[in-house]
Amino acid sequence: RKYAGVRIGLDAVELKNDYLRALTIDSAAAKEIRVFGLLEW
């Protein structure tokens, strides 16, 4: 229960990770990621 409380408290950070994960497989973003060399960043 305590561990879940910590985990729940990090929802905002996890949503950010979800966004970044989706960004890496998004075809629209893929063009700019490659053209501007954003992959390493």
PDB file of all heavy atoms in Angstrom:
ATOM      1  N   ARG A   1       0.826  -1.197   0.000  1.00  0.00           N
ATOM      2  CA  ARG A   1       0.000   0.000   0.000  1.00  0.00           C
ATOM      3  C   ARG A   1       0.872   1.263   0.000  1.00  0.00           C
ATOM      4  O   ARG A   1       0.608   2.223  -0.711  1.00  0.00           O
ATOM      5  CB  ARG A   1      -0.935  -0.010   1.211  1.00  0.00           C
ATOM      6  CG  ARG A   1      -1.982   1.095   1.183  1.00  0.00           C
ATOM      7  CD  ARG A   1      -2.931   0.983   2.363  1.00  0.00           C
ATOM      8  NE  ARG A   1      -3.727  -0.222   2.297  1.00  0.00           N
ATOM      9  CZ  ARG A   1      -3.541  -1.285   3.090  1.00  0.00           C
ATOM     10  NH1 ARG A   1      -2.599  -1.266   4.022  1.00  0.00           N
ATOM     11  NH2 ARG A   1      -4.287  -2.346   2.974  1.00  0.00           N
ATOM     12  N   LYS A   2       1.939   1.250   0.810  1.00  0.00           N
ATOM     13  CA  LYS A   2       2.850   2.403   0.843  1.00  0.00           C
ATOM     14  C   LYS A   2       3.568   2.556  -0.500  1.00  0.00           C
ATOM     15  O   LYS A   2       3.727   3.669  -1.012  1.00  0.00           O
ATOM     16  CB  LYS A   2       3.868   2.231   1.965  1.00  0.00           C
ATOM     17  CG  LYS A   2       3.270   2.266   3.361  1.00  0.00           C
ATOM     18  CD  LYS A   2       4.327   1.961   4.407  1.00  0.00           C
ATOM     19  CE  LYS A   2       3.714   1.889   5.799  1.00  0.00           C
ATOM     20  NZ  LYS A   2       4.712   1.490   6.817  1.00  0.00           N
ATOM     21  N   TYR A   3       3.987   1.424  -1.039  1.00  0.00           N
ATOM     22  CA  TYR A   3       4.689   1.462  -2.327  1.00  0.00           C
ATOM     23  C   TYR A   3       3.755   1.976  -3.423  1.00  0.00           C
ATOM     24  O   TYR A   3       4.150   2.768  -4.280  1.00  0.00           O
ATOM     25  CB  TYR A   3       5.186   0.057  -2.665  1.00  0.00           C
ATOM     26  CG  TYR A   3       5.995  -0.035  -3.934  1.00  0.00           C
ATOM     27  CD1 TYR A   3       7.299   0.452  -3.990  1.00  0.00           C
ATOM     28  CD2 TYR A   3       5.461  -0.624  -5.071  1.00  0.00           C
ATOM     29  CE1 TYR A   3       8.041   0.363  -5.150  1.00  0.00           C
ATOM     30  CE2 TYR A   3       6.191  -0.722  -6.237  1.00  0.00           C
ATOM     31  CZ  TYR A   3       7.487  -0.225  -6.280  1.00  0.00           C
ATOM     32  OH  TYR A   3       8.214  -0.307  -7.427  1.00  0.00           O
ATOM     33  N   ALA A   4       2.487   1.523  -3.376  1.00  0.00           N
ATOM     34  CA  ALA A   4       1.513   1.986  -4.360  1.00  0.00           C
ATOM     35  C   ALA A   4       1.279   3.480  -4.219  1.00  0.00           C
ATOM     36  O   ALA A   4       1.093   4.190  -5.210  1.00  0.00           O
ATOM     37  CB  ALA A   4       0.196   1.226  -4.198  1.00  0.00           C
ATOM     38  N   GLY A   5       1.298   3.987  -2.963  1.00  0.00           N
ATOM     39  CA  GLY A   5       1.128   5.412  -2.751  1.00  0.00           C
ATOM     40  C   GLY A   5       2.232   6.216  -3.409  1.00  0.00           C
ATOM     41  O   GLY A   5       1.985   7.265  -4.017  1.00  0.00           O
ATOM     42  N   VAL A   6       3.479   5.717  -3.291  1.00  0.00           N
ATOM     43  CA  VAL A   6       4.605   6.388  -3.955  1.00  0.00           C
ATOM     44  C   VAL A   6       4.422   6.333  -5.463  1.00  0.00           C
ATOM     45  O   VAL A   6       4.622   7.322  -6.177  1.00  0.00           O
ATOM     46  CB  VAL A   6       5.939   5.738  -3.543  1.00  0.00           C
ATOM     47  CG1 VAL A   6       7.098   6.353  -4.320  1.00  0.00           C
ATOM     48  CG2 VAL A   6       6.162   5.883  -2.045  1.00  0.00           C
ATOM     49  N   ARG A   7       4.040   5.177  -5.947  1.00  0.00           N
ATOM     50  CA  ARG A   7       3.838   4.965  -7.383  1.00  0.00           C
ATOM     51  C   ARG A   7       2.741   5.894  -7.924  1.00  0.00           C
ATOM     52  O   ARG A   7       2.879   6.512  -8.971  1.00  0.00           O
ATOM     53  CB  ARG A   7       3.482   3.488  -7.586  1.00  0.00           C
ATOM     54  CG  ARG A   7       2.846   3.114  -8.892  1.00  0.00           C
ATOM     55  CD  ARG A   7       3.831   3.078 -10.015  1.00  0.00           C
ATOM     56  NE  ARG A   7       3.249   2.464 -11.167  1.00  0.00           N
ATOM     57  CZ  ARG A   7       2.271   2.995 -11.910  1.00  0.00           C
ATOM     58  NH1 ARG A   7       1.781   4.166 -11.599  1.00  0.00           N
ATOM     59  NH2 ARG A   7       1.807   2.362 -12.955  1.00  0.00           N
ATOM     60  N   ILE A   8       1.649   6.000  -7.188  1.00  0.00           N
ATOM     61  CA  ILE A   8       0.541   6.856  -7.610  1.00  0.00           C
ATOM     62  C   ILE A   8       0.961   8.320  -7.605  1.00  0.00           C
ATOM     63  O   ILE A   8       0.554   9.103  -8.460  1.00  0.00           O
ATOM     64  CB  ILE A   8      -0.678   6.616  -6.703  1.00  0.00           C
ATOM     65  CG1 ILE A   8      -1.258   5.217  -6.969  1.00  0.00           C
ATOM     66  CG2 ILE A   8      -1.744   7.689  -6.910  1.00  0.00           C
ATOM     67  CD1 ILE A   8      -2.269   4.769  -5.938  1.00  0.00           C
ATOM     68  N   GLY A   9       1.791   8.675  -6.634  1.00  0.00           N
ATOM     69  CA  GLY A   9       2.258  10.056  -6.553  1.00  0.00           C
ATOM     70  C   GLY A   9       3.126  10.469  -7.723  1.00  0.00           C
ATOM     71  O   GLY A   9       3.390  11.663  -7.912  1.00  0.00           O
ATOM     72  N   LEU A  10       3.592   9.502  -8.513  1.00  0.00           N
ATOM     73  CA  LEU A  10       4.445   9.793  -9.671  1.00  0.00           C
ATOM     74  C   LEU A  10       3.665   9.727 -10.982  1.00  0.00           C
ATOM     75  O   LEU A  10       4.246   9.556 -12.054  1.00  0.00           O
ATOM     76  CB  LEU A  10       5.613   8.799  -9.710  1.00  0.00           C
ATOM     77  CG  LEU A  10       6.604   8.904  -8.548  1.00  0.00           C
ATOM     78  CD1 LEU A  10       7.544   7.707  -8.547  1.00  0.00           C
ATOM     79  CD2 LEU A  10       7.396  10.200  -8.638  1.00  0.00           C
ATOM     80  N   ASP A  11       2.326   9.857 -10.900  1.00  0.00           N
ATOM     81  CA  ASP A  11       1.488   9.779 -12.098  1.00  0.00           C
ATOM     82  C   ASP A  11       1.903  10.774 -13.170  1.00  0.00           C
ATOM     83  O   ASP A  11       1.961  10.450 -14.356  1.00  0.00           O
ATOM     84  CB  ASP A  11       0.019  10.018 -11.731  1.00  0.00           C
ATOM     85  CG  ASP A  11      -0.702   8.718 -11.414  1.00  0.00           C
ATOM     86  OD1 ASP A  11      -0.158   7.653 -11.735  1.00  0.00           O
ATOM     87  OD2 ASP A  11      -1.797   8.776 -10.832  1.00  0.00           O
ATOM     88  N   ALA A  12       2.173  12.012 -12.752  1.00  0.00           N
ATOM     89  CA  ALA A  12       2.505  13.040 -13.739  1.00  0.00           C
ATOM     90  C   ALA A  12       3.775  12.689 -14.498  1.00  0.00           C
ATOM     91  O   ALA A  12       3.866  12.880 -15.719  1.00  0.00           O
ATOM     92  CB  ALA A  12       2.653  14.395 -13.044  1.00  0.00           C
ATOM     93  N   VAL A  13       4.770  12.143 -13.776  1.00  0.00           N
ATOM     94  CA  VAL A  13       6.020  11.751 -14.417  1.00  0.00           C
ATOM     95  C   VAL A  13       5.770  10.582 -15.371  1.00  0.00           C
ATOM     96  O   VAL A  13       6.333  10.523 -16.469  1.00  0.00           O
ATOM     97  CB  VAL A  13       7.077  11.376 -13.363  1.00  0.00           C
ATOM     98  CG1 VAL A  13       8.398  10.992 -14.035  1.00  0.00           C
ATOM     99  CG2 VAL A  13       7.293  12.530 -12.400  1.00  0.00           C
ATOM    100  N   GLU A  14       4.910   9.655 -14.963  1.00  0.00           N
ATOM    101  CA  GLU A  14       4.637   8.501 -15.815  1.00  0.00           C
ATOM    102  C   GLU A  14       3.887   8.922 -17.079  1.00  0.00           C
ATOM    103  O   GLU A  14       4.126   8.383 -18.165  1.00  0.00           O
ATOM    104  CB  GLU A  14       3.842   7.453 -15.051  1.00  0.00           C
ATOM    105  CG  GLU A  14       3.685   6.160 -15.824  1.00  0.00           C
ATOM    106  CD  GLU A  14       3.132   5.034 -14.981  1.00  0.00           C
ATOM    107  OE1 GLU A  14       2.757   5.275 -13.822  1.00  0.00           O
ATOM    108  OE2 GLU A  14       3.073   3.897 -15.489  1.00  0.00           O
ATOM    109  N   LEU A  15       2.969   9.872 -16.947  1.00  0.00           N
ATOM    110  CA  LEU A  15       2.275  10.374 -18.129  1.00  0.00           C
ATOM    111  C   LEU A  15       3.267  10.995 -19.118  1.00  0.00           C
ATOM    112  O   LEU A  15       3.120  10.865 -20.333  1.00  0.00           O
ATOM    113  CB  LEU A  15       1.221  11.401 -17.724  1.00  0.00           C
ATOM    114  CG  LEU A  15      -0.064  10.852 -17.105  1.00  0.00           C
ATOM    115  CD1 LEU A  15      -0.935  11.989 -16.599  1.00  0.00           C
ATOM    116  CD2 LEU A  15      -0.830   9.995 -18.095  1.00  0.00           C
ATOM    117  N   LYS A  16       4.290  11.662 -18.579  1.00  0.00           N
ATOM    118  CA  LYS A  16       5.323  12.241 -19.439  1.00  0.00           C
ATOM    119  C   LYS A  16       6.082  11.138 -20.169  1.00  0.00           C
ATOM    120  O   LYS A  16       6.377  11.250 -21.365  1.00  0.00           O
ATOM    121  CB  LYS A  16       6.277  13.079 -18.590  1.00  0.00           C
ATOM    122  CG  LYS A  16       7.310  13.857 -19.391  1.00  0.00           C
ATOM    123  CD  LYS A  16       8.130  14.749 -18.472  1.00  0.00           C
ATOM    124  CE  LYS A  16       9.117  15.604 -19.259  1.00  0.00           C
ATOM    125  NZ  LYS A  16       9.898  16.489 -18.362  1.00  0.00           N
ATOM    126  N   ASN A  17       6.397  10.062 -19.458  1.00  0.00           N
ATOM    127  CA  ASN A  17       7.073   8.930 -20.102  1.00  0.00           C
ATOM    128  C   ASN A  17       6.184   8.287 -21.164  1.00  0.00           C
ATOM    129  O   ASN A  17       6.667   7.856 -22.211  1.00  0.00           O
ATOM    130  CB  ASN A  17       7.473   7.890 -19.050  1.00  0.00           C
ATOM    131  CG  ASN A  17       8.672   8.328 -18.240  1.00  0.00           C
ATOM    132  OD1 ASN A  17       9.590   8.945 -18.751  1.00  0.00           O
ATOM    133  ND2 ASN A  17       8.665   8.033 -16.954  1.00  0.00           N
ATOM    134  N   ASP A  18       4.876   8.211 -20.883  1.00  0.00           N
ATOM    135  CA  ASP A  18       3.946   7.677 -21.871  1.00  0.00           C
ATOM    136  C   ASP A  18       3.968   8.534 -23.146  1.00  0.00           C
ATOM    137  O   ASP A  18       3.943   8.015 -24.262  1.00  0.00           O
ATOM    138  CB  ASP A  18       2.523   7.644 -21.303  1.00  0.00           C
ATOM    139  CG  ASP A  18       2.359   6.588 -20.223  1.00  0.00           C
ATOM    140  OD1 ASP A  18       3.237   5.706 -20.118  1.00  0.00           O
ATOM    141  OD2 ASP A  18       1.358   6.650 -19.488  1.00  0.00           O
ATOM    142  N   TYR A  19       4.017   9.848 -22.951  1.00  0.00           N
ATOM    143  CA  TYR A  19       4.062  10.752 -24.098  1.00  0.00           C
ATOM    144  C   TYR A  19       5.337  10.530 -24.917  1.00  0.00           C
ATOM    145  O   TYR A  19       5.302  10.457 -26.152  1.00  0.00           O
ATOM    146  CB  TYR A  19       3.988  12.205 -23.620  1.00  0.00           C
ATOM    147  CG  TYR A  19       4.446  13.198 -24.668  1.00  0.00           C
ATOM    148  CD1 TYR A  19       3.656  13.498 -25.769  1.00  0.00           C
ATOM    149  CD2 TYR A  19       5.704  13.820 -24.557  1.00  0.00           C
ATOM    150  CE1 TYR A  19       4.088  14.394 -26.731  1.00  0.00           C
ATOM    151  CE2 TYR A  19       6.134  14.718 -25.517  1.00  0.00           C
ATOM    152  CZ  TYR A  19       5.326  14.997 -26.603  1.00  0.00           C
ATOM    153  OH  TYR A  19       5.765  15.872 -27.552  1.00  0.00           O
ATOM    154  N   LEU A  20       6.478  10.422 -24.228  1.00  0.00           N
ATOM    155  CA  LEU A  20       7.744  10.235 -24.931  1.00  0.00           C
ATOM    156  C   LEU A  20       7.772   8.895 -25.655  1.00  0.00           C
ATOM    157  O   LEU A  20       8.299   8.782 -26.773  1.00  0.00           O
ATOM    158  CB  LEU A  20       8.912  10.340 -23.947  1.00  0.00           C
ATOM    159  CG  LEU A  20       9.146  11.726 -23.350  1.00  0.00           C
ATOM    160  CD1 LEU A  20      10.197  11.661 -22.250  1.00  0.00           C
ATOM    161  CD2 LEU A  20       9.565  12.718 -24.429  1.00  0.00           C
ATOM    162  N   ARG A  21       7.203   7.876 -25.040  1.00  0.00           N
ATOM    163  CA  ARG A  21       7.147   6.562 -25.681  1.00  0.00           C
ATOM    164  C   ARG A  21       6.318   6.644 -26.963  1.00  0.00           C
ATOM    165  O   ARG A  21       6.699   6.102 -28.008  1.00  0.00           O
ATOM    166  CB  ARG A  21       6.559   5.535 -24.717  1.00  0.00           C
ATOM    167  CG  ARG A  21       6.547   4.111 -25.271  1.00  0.00           C
ATOM    168  CD  ARG A  21       5.879   3.135 -24.311  1.00  0.00           C
ATOM    169  NE  ARG A  21       6.556   3.110 -23.027  1.00  0.00           N
ATOM    170  CZ  ARG A  21       6.053   3.618 -21.901  1.00  0.00           C
ATOM    171  NH1 ARG A  21       4.870   4.206 -21.910  1.00  0.00           N
ATOM    172  NH2 ARG A  21       6.729   3.538 -20.770  1.00  0.00           N
ATOM    173  N   ALA A  22       5.158   7.320 -26.872  1.00  0.00           N
ATOM    174  CA  ALA A  22       4.305   7.466 -28.053  1.00  0.00           C
ATOM    175  C   ALA A  22       4.989   8.312 -29.124  1.00  0.00           C
ATOM    176  O   ALA A  22       4.842   8.054 -30.322  1.00  0.00           O
ATOM    177  CB  ALA A  22       2.968   8.089 -27.649  1.00  0.00           C
ATOM    178  N   LEU A  23       5.760   9.309 -28.688  1.00  0.00           N
ATOM    179  CA  LEU A  23       6.439  10.191 -29.632  1.00  0.00           C
ATOM    180  C   LEU A  23       7.446   9.425 -30.480  1.00  0.00           C
ATOM    181  O   LEU A  23       7.610   9.700 -31.674  1.00  0.00           O
ATOM    182  CB  LEU A  23       7.141  11.313 -28.868  1.00  0.00           C
ATOM    183  CG  LEU A  23       7.741  12.447 -29.698  1.00  0.00           C
ATOM    184  CD1 LEU A  23       6.638  13.233 -30.395  1.00  0.00           C
ATOM    185  CD2 LEU A  23       8.568  13.372 -28.802  1.00  0.00           C
ATOM    186  N   THR A  24       8.111   8.456 -29.895  1.00  0.00           N
ATOM    187  CA  THR A  24       9.154   7.723 -30.620  1.00  0.00           C
ATOM    188  C   THR A  24       8.592   6.835 -31.724  1.00  0.00           C
ATOM    189  O   THR A  24       9.329   6.432 -32.619  1.00  0.00           O
ATOM    190  CB  THR A  24       9.980   6.857 -29.652  1.00  0.00           C
ATOM    191  OG1 THR A  24       9.113   5.917 -28.996  1.00  0.00           O
ATOM    192  CG2 THR A  24      10.671   7.718 -28.615  1.00  0.00           C
ATOM    193  N   ILE A  25       7.305   6.512 -31.654  1.00  0.00           N
ATOM    194  CA  ILE A  25       6.714   5.640 -32.674  1.00  0.00           C
ATOM    195  C   ILE A  25       5.687   6.388 -33.514  1.00  0.00           C
ATOM    196  O   ILE A  25       4.963   5.777 -34.296  1.00  0.00           O
ATOM    197  CB  ILE A  25       6.062   4.390 -32.043  1.00  0.00           C
ATOM    198  CG1 ILE A  25       4.955   4.785 -31.056  1.00  0.00           C
ATOM    199  CG2 ILE A  25       7.101   3.530 -31.350  1.00  0.00           C
ATOM    200  CD1 ILE A  25       4.199   3.596 -30.487  1.00  0.00           C
ATOM    201  N   ASP A  26       5.601   7.707 -33.337  1.00  0.00           N
ATOM    202  CA  ASP A  26       4.651   8.509 -34.096  1.00  0.00           C
ATOM    203  C   ASP A  26       5.260   8.859 -35.451  1.00  0.00           C
ATOM    204  O   ASP A  26       6.362   9.412 -35.523  1.00  0.00           O
ATOM    205  CB  ASP A  26       4.308   9.780 -33.320  1.00  0.00           C
ATOM    206  CG  ASP A  26       3.330  10.652 -34.080  1.00  0.00           C
ATOM    207  OD1 ASP A  26       2.181  10.221 -34.256  1.00  0.00           O
ATOM    208  OD2 ASP A  26       3.732  11.749 -34.502  1.00  0.00           O
ATOM    209  N   SER A  27       4.528   8.554 -36.513  1.00  0.00           N
ATOM    210  CA  SER A  27       5.076   8.774 -37.856  1.00  0.00           C
ATOM    211  C   SER A  27       5.270  10.252 -38.151  1.00  0.00           C
ATOM    212  O   SER A  27       6.214  10.637 -38.848  1.00  0.00           O
ATOM    213  CB  SER A  27       4.146   8.149 -38.901  1.00  0.00           C
ATOM    214  OG  SER A  27       2.850   8.721 -38.830  1.00  0.00           O
ATOM    215  N   ALA A  28       4.378  11.111 -37.631  1.00  0.00           N
ATOM    216  CA  ALA A  28       4.519  12.547 -37.891  1.00  0.00           C
ATOM    217  C   ALA A  28       5.780  13.093 -37.232  1.00  0.00           C
ATOM    218  O   ALA A  28       6.538  13.859 -37.843  1.00  0.00           O
ATOM    219  CB  ALA A  28       3.282  13.287 -37.375  1.00  0.00           C
ATOM    220  N   ALA A  29       6.034  12.693 -35.970  1.00  0.00           N
ATOM    221  CA  ALA A  29       7.233  13.167 -35.278  1.00  0.00           C
ATOM    222  C   ALA A  29       8.491  12.525 -35.844  1.00  0.00           C
ATOM    223  O   ALA A  29       9.583  13.111 -35.773  1.00  0.00           O
ATOM    224  CB  ALA A  29       7.125  12.875 -33.785  1.00  0.00           C
ATOM    225  N   ALA A  30       8.358  11.313 -36.395  1.00  0.00           N
ATOM    226  CA  ALA A  30       9.534  10.594 -36.890  1.00  0.00           C
ATOM    227  C   ALA A  30      10.286  11.398 -37.948  1.00  0.00           C
ATOM    228  O   ALA A  30      11.517  11.343 -38.021  1.00  0.00           O
ATOM    229  CB  ALA A  30       9.108   9.238 -37.453  1.00  0.00           C
ATOM    230  N   LYS A  31       9.556  12.157 -38.753  1.00  0.00           N
ATOM    231  CA  LYS A  31      10.216  12.925 -39.815  1.00  0.00           C
ATOM    232  C   LYS A  31      11.158  13.963 -39.213  1.00  0.00           C
ATOM    233  O   LYS A  31      12.325  14.060 -39.600  1.00  0.00           O
ATOM    234  CB  LYS A  31       9.158  13.587 -40.696  1.00  0.00           C
ATOM    235  CG  LYS A  31       8.251  12.619 -41.447  1.00  0.00           C
ATOM    236  CD  LYS A  31       7.409  13.322 -42.473  1.00  0.00           C
ATOM    237  CE  LYS A  31       6.332  14.201 -41.851  1.00  0.00           C
ATOM    238  NZ  LYS A  31       5.278  13.440 -41.183  1.00  0.00           N
ATOM    239  N   GLU A  32      10.660  14.754 -38.274  1.00  0.00           N
ATOM    240  CA  GLU A  32      11.499  15.800 -37.692  1.00  0.00           C
ATOM    241  C   GLU A  32      12.602  15.220 -36.811  1.00  0.00           C
ATOM    242  O   GLU A  32      13.711  15.757 -36.761  1.00  0.00           O
ATOM    243  CB  GLU A  32      10.632  16.766 -36.879  1.00  0.00           C
ATOM    244  CG  GLU A  32       9.719  17.612 -37.735  1.00  0.00           C
ATOM    245  CD  GLU A  32       9.164  18.799 -36.969  1.00  0.00           C
ATOM    246  OE1 GLU A  32       9.570  18.990 -35.808  1.00  0.00           O
ATOM    247  OE2 GLU A  32       8.337  19.531 -37.550  1.00  0.00           O
ATOM    248  N   ILE A  33      12.309  14.127 -36.109  1.00  0.00           N
ATOM    249  CA  ILE A  33      13.333  13.505 -35.264  1.00  0.00           C
ATOM    250  C   ILE A  33      14.540  13.116 -36.098  1.00  0.00           C
ATOM    251  O   ILE A  33      15.695  13.298 -35.685  1.00  0.00           O
ATOM    252  CB  ILE A  33      12.746  12.280 -34.532  1.00  0.00           C
ATOM    253  CG1 ILE A  33      11.755  12.746 -33.454  1.00  0.00           C
ATOM    254  CG2 ILE A  33      13.854  11.442 -33.894  1.00  0.00           C
ATOM    255  CD1 ILE A  33      10.998  11.611 -32.798  1.00  0.00           C
ATOM    256  N   ARG A  34      14.289  12.627 -37.308  1.00  0.00           N
ATOM    257  CA  ARG A  34      15.392  12.203 -38.168  1.00  0.00           C
ATOM    258  C   ARG A  34      16.042  13.374 -38.891  1.00  0.00           C
ATOM    259  O   ARG A  34      17.271  13.473 -38.969  1.00  0.00           O
ATOM    260  CB  ARG A  34      14.878  11.161 -39.167  1.00  0.00           C
ATOM    261  CG  ARG A  34      14.670   9.795 -38.520  1.00  0.00           C
ATOM    262  CD  ARG A  34      13.675   8.924 -39.281  1.00  0.00           C
ATOM    263  NE  ARG A  34      13.566   7.604 -38.679  1.00  0.00           N
ATOM    264  CZ  ARG A  34      12.883   7.357 -37.553  1.00  0.00           C
ATOM    265  NH1 ARG A  34      12.275   8.344 -36.920  1.00  0.00           N
ATOM    266  NH2 ARG A  34      12.821   6.130 -37.073  1.00  0.00           N
ATOM    267  N   VAL A  35      15.216  14.281 -39.399  1.00  0.00           N
ATOM    268  CA  VAL A  35      15.772  15.406 -40.155  1.00  0.00           C
ATOM    269  C   VAL A  35      16.624  16.299 -39.266  1.00  0.00           C
ATOM    270  O   VAL A  35      17.700  16.758 -39.656  1.00  0.00           O
ATOM    271  CB  VAL A  35      14.632  16.215 -40.813  1.00  0.00           C
ATOM    272  CG1 VAL A  35      15.168  17.526 -41.395  1.00  0.00           C
ATOM    273  CG2 VAL A  35      13.970  15.392 -41.908  1.00  0.00           C
ATOM    274  N   PHE A  36      16.167  16.570 -38.049  1.00  0.00           N
ATOM    275  CA  PHE A  36      16.890  17.465 -37.149  1.00  0.00           C
ATOM    276  C   PHE A  36      17.871  16.731 -36.237  1.00  0.00           C
ATOM    277  O   PHE A  36      18.483  17.342 -35.355  1.00  0.00           O
ATOM    278  CB  PHE A  36      15.901  18.262 -36.293  1.00  0.00           C
ATOM    279  CG  PHE A  36      15.061  19.221 -37.091  1.00  0.00           C
ATOM    280  CD1 PHE A  36      13.681  19.132 -37.083  1.00  0.00           C
ATOM    281  CD2 PHE A  36      15.653  20.205 -37.866  1.00  0.00           C
ATOM    282  CE1 PHE A  36      12.902  20.006 -37.815  1.00  0.00           C
ATOM    283  CE2 PHE A  36      14.882  21.087 -38.602  1.00  0.00           C
ATOM    284  CZ  PHE A  36      13.502  20.990 -38.586  1.00  0.00           C
ATOM    285  N   GLY A  37      18.006  15.410 -36.430  1.00  0.00           N
ATOM    286  CA  GLY A  37      18.968  14.656 -35.635  1.00  0.00           C
ATOM    287  C   GLY A  37      18.646  14.638 -34.153  1.00  0.00           C
ATOM    288  O   GLY A  37      19.539  14.783 -33.309  1.00  0.00           O
ATOM    289  N   LEU A  38      17.371  14.460 -33.804  1.00  0.00           N
ATOM    290  CA  LEU A  38      16.937  14.524 -32.403  1.00  0.00           C
ATOM    291  C   LEU A  38      16.990  13.185 -31.683  1.00  0.00           C
ATOM    292  O   LEU A  38      16.670  13.117 -30.490  1.00  0.00           O
ATOM    293  CB  LEU A  38      15.493  15.058 -32.343  1.00  0.00           C
ATOM    294  CG  LEU A  38      15.250  16.451 -32.924  1.00  0.00           C
ATOM    295  CD1 LEU A  38      13.765  16.795 -32.853  1.00  0.00           C
ATOM    296  CD2 LEU A  38      16.080  17.484 -32.182  1.00  0.00           C
ATOM    297  N   LEU A  39      17.393  12.130 -32.393  1.00  0.00           N
ATOM    298  CA  LEU A  39      17.288  10.800 -31.809  1.00  0.00           C
ATOM    299  C   LEU A  39      18.113  10.661 -30.529  1.00  0.00           C
ATOM    300  O   LEU A  39      17.620  10.177 -29.500  1.00  0.00           O
ATOM    301  CB  LEU A  39      17.724   9.750 -32.836  1.00  0.00           C
ATOM    302  CG  LEU A  39      17.515   8.285 -32.408  1.00  0.00           C
ATOM    303  CD1 LEU A  39      16.053   8.014 -32.097  1.00  0.00           C
ATOM    304  CD2 LEU A  39      18.014   7.347 -33.494  1.00  0.00           C
ATOM    305  N   GLU A  40      19.368  11.082 -30.566  1.00  0.00           N
ATOM    306  CA  GLU A  40      20.223  10.950 -29.380  1.00  0.00           C
ATOM    307  C   GLU A  40      19.698  11.804 -28.230  1.00  0.00           C
ATOM    308  O   GLU A  40      19.670  11.376 -27.080  1.00  0.00           O
ATOM    309  CB  GLU A  40      21.666  11.341 -29.719  1.00  0.00           C
ATOM    310  CG  GLU A  40      22.393  10.354 -30.608  1.00  0.00           C
ATOM    311  CD  GLU A  40      22.481   8.971 -29.967  1.00  0.00           C
ATOM    312  OE1 GLU A  40      22.684   8.900 -28.729  1.00  0.00           O
ATOM    313  OE2 GLU A  40      22.324   7.977 -30.687  1.00  0.00           O
ATOM    314  N   TRP A  41      19.293  13.035 -28.565  1.00  0.00           N
ATOM    315  CA  TRP A  41      18.750  13.903 -27.508  1.00  0.00           C
ATOM    316  C   TRP A  41      17.505  13.292 -26.904  1.00  0.00           C
ATOM    317  O   TRP A  41      17.334  13.281 -25.679  1.00  0.00           O
ATOM    318  CB  TRP A  41      18.401  15.272 -28.092  1.00  0.00           C
ATOM    319  CG  TRP A  41      17.721  16.158 -27.071  1.00  0.00           C
ATOM    320  CD1 TRP A  41      18.306  16.970 -26.172  1.00  0.00           C
ATOM    321  CD2 TRP A  41      16.310  16.265 -26.864  1.00  0.00           C
ATOM    322  NE1 TRP A  41      17.356  17.588 -25.397  1.00  0.00           N
ATOM    323  CE2 TRP A  41      16.114  17.178 -25.800  1.00  0.00           C
ATOM    324  CE3 TRP A  41      15.182  15.684 -27.463  1.00  0.00           C
ATOM    325  CZ2 TRP A  41      14.852  17.517 -25.329  1.00  0.00           C
ATOM    326  CZ3 TRP A  41      13.926  16.032 -26.982  1.00  0.00           C
ATOM    327  CH2 TRP A  41      13.772  16.933 -25.941  1.00  0.00           C
TER     328      TRP A  41
END
